[in-house]
Amino acid sequence: MFLALTACGGAPNWVKEGAGNFNQDDSKAIYGVGSIVGIHNEPLAWEAAENRSRAQLAKSFEAYTGYLMEDYAASTTAGDFSKATEEQNVERAIKTVTTVTLNGVRPIERYKDEDVNSYYVLTKLSFKDMKEALQEAKELSQEARTYVKENAERLFEELEKEEAKR
């Protein structure tokens, strides 16, 4: 299949379309597209592209985005007001966090753009598989749910500490 995609001349449509909900061949599903460029270790590049594809798919379900913008501007004049000193500073910080467990996500296609050394992976989670995973999740005991919640909070705190080091 890989050879067929590259022989057509150009990237497949899913590379251009990106992640999202599609209904192809009467199979309702959510897709994620991940990519990476400039990695010479091919197995590592494929793995990174696949992980990024899974992350894109996960963001379809849940994503928390924190946004902060600081904007400072000043104008100073002195004496006869014929000259002014102006300064400005704008800073923006965005943090997006997605934490979700998705069972049944599978890579279904891969594409490599040889010209720019880019790797692309398409992952799929069918609605049927998602429903089955949600049903299993409902069957978790209260103890298991508490364990998952506590560990998610602990991991989020660790992420905050790592971000604070930057």
Protein backbone atom coordinates (compact mmCIF):
# COMPACT_ATOMS: atom_id res chain seq x y z
CA MET A 1 0.00 0.00 0.00
CA PHE A 2 2.88 2.37 0.81
CA LEU A 3 4.28 1.99 -2.70
CA ALA A 4 0.87 2.68 -4.22
CA LEU A 5 0.56 5.90 -2.25
CA THR A 6 3.95 7.21 -3.29
CA ALA A 7 3.52 6.10 -6.89
CA CYS A 8 0.47 8.34 -7.28
CA GLY A 9 2.69 11.40 -7.02
CA GLY A 10 2.02 13.41 -3.89
CA ALA A 11 0.64 12.89 -0.46
CA PRO A 12 -2.59 10.98 0.11
CA ASN A 13 -5.70 12.99 0.93
CA TRP A 14 -5.65 12.08 4.63
CA VAL A 15 -2.29 13.86 5.02
CA LYS A 16 -3.88 17.06 3.70
CA GLU A 17 -7.19 16.67 5.56
CA GLY A 18 -5.72 16.00 8.99
CA ALA A 19 -7.50 14.60 12.02
CA GLY A 20 -11.24 14.50 12.46
CA ASN A 21 -14.47 12.60 12.15
CA PHE A 22 -15.03 10.86 8.86
CA ASN A 23 -17.51 8.36 7.54
CA GLN A 24 -15.64 6.30 4.99
CA ASP A 25 -17.07 3.10 3.56
CA ASP A 26 -20.04 3.33 5.98
CA SER A 27 -17.61 2.91 8.86
CA LYS A 28 -18.05 5.80 11.27
CA ALA A 29 -14.77 6.57 12.98
CA ILE A 30 -12.46 9.22 14.34
CA TYR A 31 -9.05 9.62 12.74
CA GLY A 32 -5.81 11.15 13.85
CA VAL A 33 -2.89 12.21 11.68
CA GLY A 34 0.57 12.57 13.15
CA SER A 35 3.75 13.69 11.48
CA ILE A 36 7.39 14.35 12.14
CA VAL A 37 10.12 15.82 9.97
CA GLY A 38 13.89 15.66 9.97
CA ILE A 39 14.45 12.48 11.97
CA HIS A 40 17.02 10.21 10.31
CA ASN A 41 16.37 7.19 12.53
CA GLU A 42 13.46 5.71 10.55
CA PRO A 43 11.98 3.39 13.24
CA LEU A 44 12.05 6.29 15.72
CA ALA A 45 10.41 8.61 13.19
CA TRP A 46 7.57 6.15 12.50
CA GLU A 47 6.99 5.65 16.22
CA ALA A 48 6.95 9.41 16.91
CA ALA A 49 4.52 10.04 14.03
CA GLU A 50 2.24 7.28 15.32
CA ASN A 51 2.31 8.69 18.86
CA ARG A 52 1.50 12.15 17.53
CA SER A 53 -1.35 10.67 15.53
CA ARG A 54 -2.79 9.09 18.67
CA ALA A 55 -2.45 12.42 20.50
CA GLN A 56 -4.33 14.22 17.71
CA LEU A 57 -7.09 11.64 17.93
CA ALA A 58 -7.25 11.98 21.73
CA LYS A 59 -7.67 15.75 21.44
CA SER A 60 -10.95 15.06 19.63
CA PHE A 61 -12.33 13.81 22.94
CA GLU A 62 -10.90 16.06 25.58
CA ALA A 63 -8.45 18.91 25.68
CA TYR A 64 -7.85 21.57 28.30
CA THR A 65 -6.25 24.71 26.98
CA GLY A 66 -4.93 27.44 29.22
CA TYR A 67 -4.23 30.78 27.57
CA LEU A 68 -2.40 33.77 28.98
CA MET A 69 -1.48 36.97 27.19
CA GLU A 70 0.37 39.89 28.72
CA ASP A 71 0.44 43.14 26.82
CA TYR A 72 2.49 46.16 27.92
CA ALA A 73 2.85 49.47 26.08
CA ALA A 74 4.32 52.79 27.18
CA SER A 75 5.01 56.17 25.66
CA THR A 76 7.15 58.73 27.45
CA THR A 77 7.70 62.36 26.47
CA ALA A 78 9.76 65.04 28.13
CA GLY A 79 10.50 68.74 27.77
CA ASP A 80 8.80 70.27 24.75
CA PHE A 81 6.96 67.05 23.85
CA SER A 82 8.66 66.93 20.44
CA LYS A 83 10.24 63.55 21.04
CA ALA A 84 8.74 60.46 22.53
CA THR A 85 10.15 57.17 23.65
CA GLU A 86 7.88 54.26 23.09
CA GLU A 87 8.13 50.64 24.07
CA GLN A 88 5.92 47.63 23.99
CA ASN A 89 6.07 44.01 24.94
CA VAL A 90 3.56 41.29 24.15
CA GLU A 91 3.90 37.77 25.52
CA ARG A 92 1.66 34.81 24.92
CA ALA A 93 1.61 31.43 26.64
CA ILE A 94 -0.62 28.55 25.66
CA LYS A 95 -0.71 25.17 27.35
CA THR A 96 -2.86 22.33 26.07
CA VAL A 97 -3.25 19.14 28.07
CA THR A 98 -5.04 16.01 26.94
CA THR A 99 -5.34 13.01 29.21
CA VAL A 100 -7.49 10.21 27.92
CA THR A 101 -7.18 6.46 27.54
CA LEU A 102 -8.42 5.21 24.21
CA ASN A 103 -8.64 1.50 23.61
CA GLY A 104 -8.81 0.24 20.05
CA VAL A 105 -6.84 3.02 18.32
CA ARG A 106 -4.98 1.44 15.42
CA PRO A 107 -2.56 2.80 12.84
CA ILE A 108 -4.08 2.07 9.44
CA GLU A 109 -1.87 3.90 6.93
CA ARG A 110 1.62 5.35 6.69
CA TYR A 111 3.23 7.73 4.22
CA LYS A 112 6.77 9.05 3.86
CA ASP A 113 7.55 12.20 1.89
CA GLU A 114 11.09 11.48 0.70
CA ASP A 115 11.62 15.05 -0.56
CA VAL A 116 11.46 16.62 2.91
CA ASN A 117 12.05 13.51 5.06
CA SER A 118 8.57 13.69 6.66
CA TYR A 119 6.73 10.73 8.11
CA TYR A 120 2.93 10.57 8.43
CA VAL A 121 0.73 8.03 10.22
CA LEU A 122 -3.07 7.77 10.13
CA THR A 123 -4.76 6.18 13.16
CA LYS A 124 -8.38 5.16 13.47
CA LEU A 125 -10.83 4.59 16.30
CA SER A 126 -14.12 3.19 15.07
CA PHE A 127 -17.28 4.19 16.89
CA LYS A 128 -18.02 0.51 17.40
CA ASP A 129 -14.69 -0.02 19.17
CA MET A 130 -15.21 3.18 21.16
CA LYS A 131 -18.64 2.05 22.36
CA GLU A 132 -17.20 -1.28 23.50
CA ALA A 133 -14.37 0.50 25.36
CA LEU A 134 -16.83 2.87 27.06
CA GLN A 135 -18.99 -0.06 28.12
CA GLU A 136 -15.93 -1.70 29.69
CA ALA A 137 -15.05 1.56 31.43
CA LYS A 138 -18.54 1.77 32.96
CA GLU A 139 -17.96 -1.64 34.47
CA LEU A 140 -14.94 -0.46 36.48
CA SER A 141 -15.37 -0.69 40.21
CA GLN A 142 -15.45 2.49 42.30
CA GLU A 143 -12.04 1.50 43.66
CA ALA A 144 -10.57 1.31 40.15
CA ARG A 145 -12.13 4.66 39.19
CA THR A 146 -10.65 6.28 42.31
CA TYR A 147 -7.23 4.82 41.53
CA VAL A 148 -7.33 6.18 37.97
CA LYS A 149 -8.48 9.61 39.16
CA GLU A 150 -5.79 9.88 41.84
CA ASN A 151 -3.04 8.85 39.46
CA ALA A 152 -4.25 11.28 36.81
CA GLU A 153 -4.06 14.11 39.35
CA ARG A 154 -0.57 13.01 40.41
CA LEU A 155 0.63 12.94 36.80
CA PHE A 156 -0.85 16.38 36.18
CA GLU A 157 1.05 17.73 39.22
CA GLU A 158 4.27 16.20 37.88
CA LEU A 159 3.62 17.85 34.51
CA GLU A 160 3.12 21.21 36.25
CA LYS A 161 6.45 20.79 38.09
CA GLU A 162 8.27 20.00 34.86
CA GLU A 163 6.74 23.01 33.15
CA ALA A 164 7.77 25.23 36.07
CA LYS A 165 11.42 24.22 35.54
CA ARG A 166 11.36 25.80 32.08
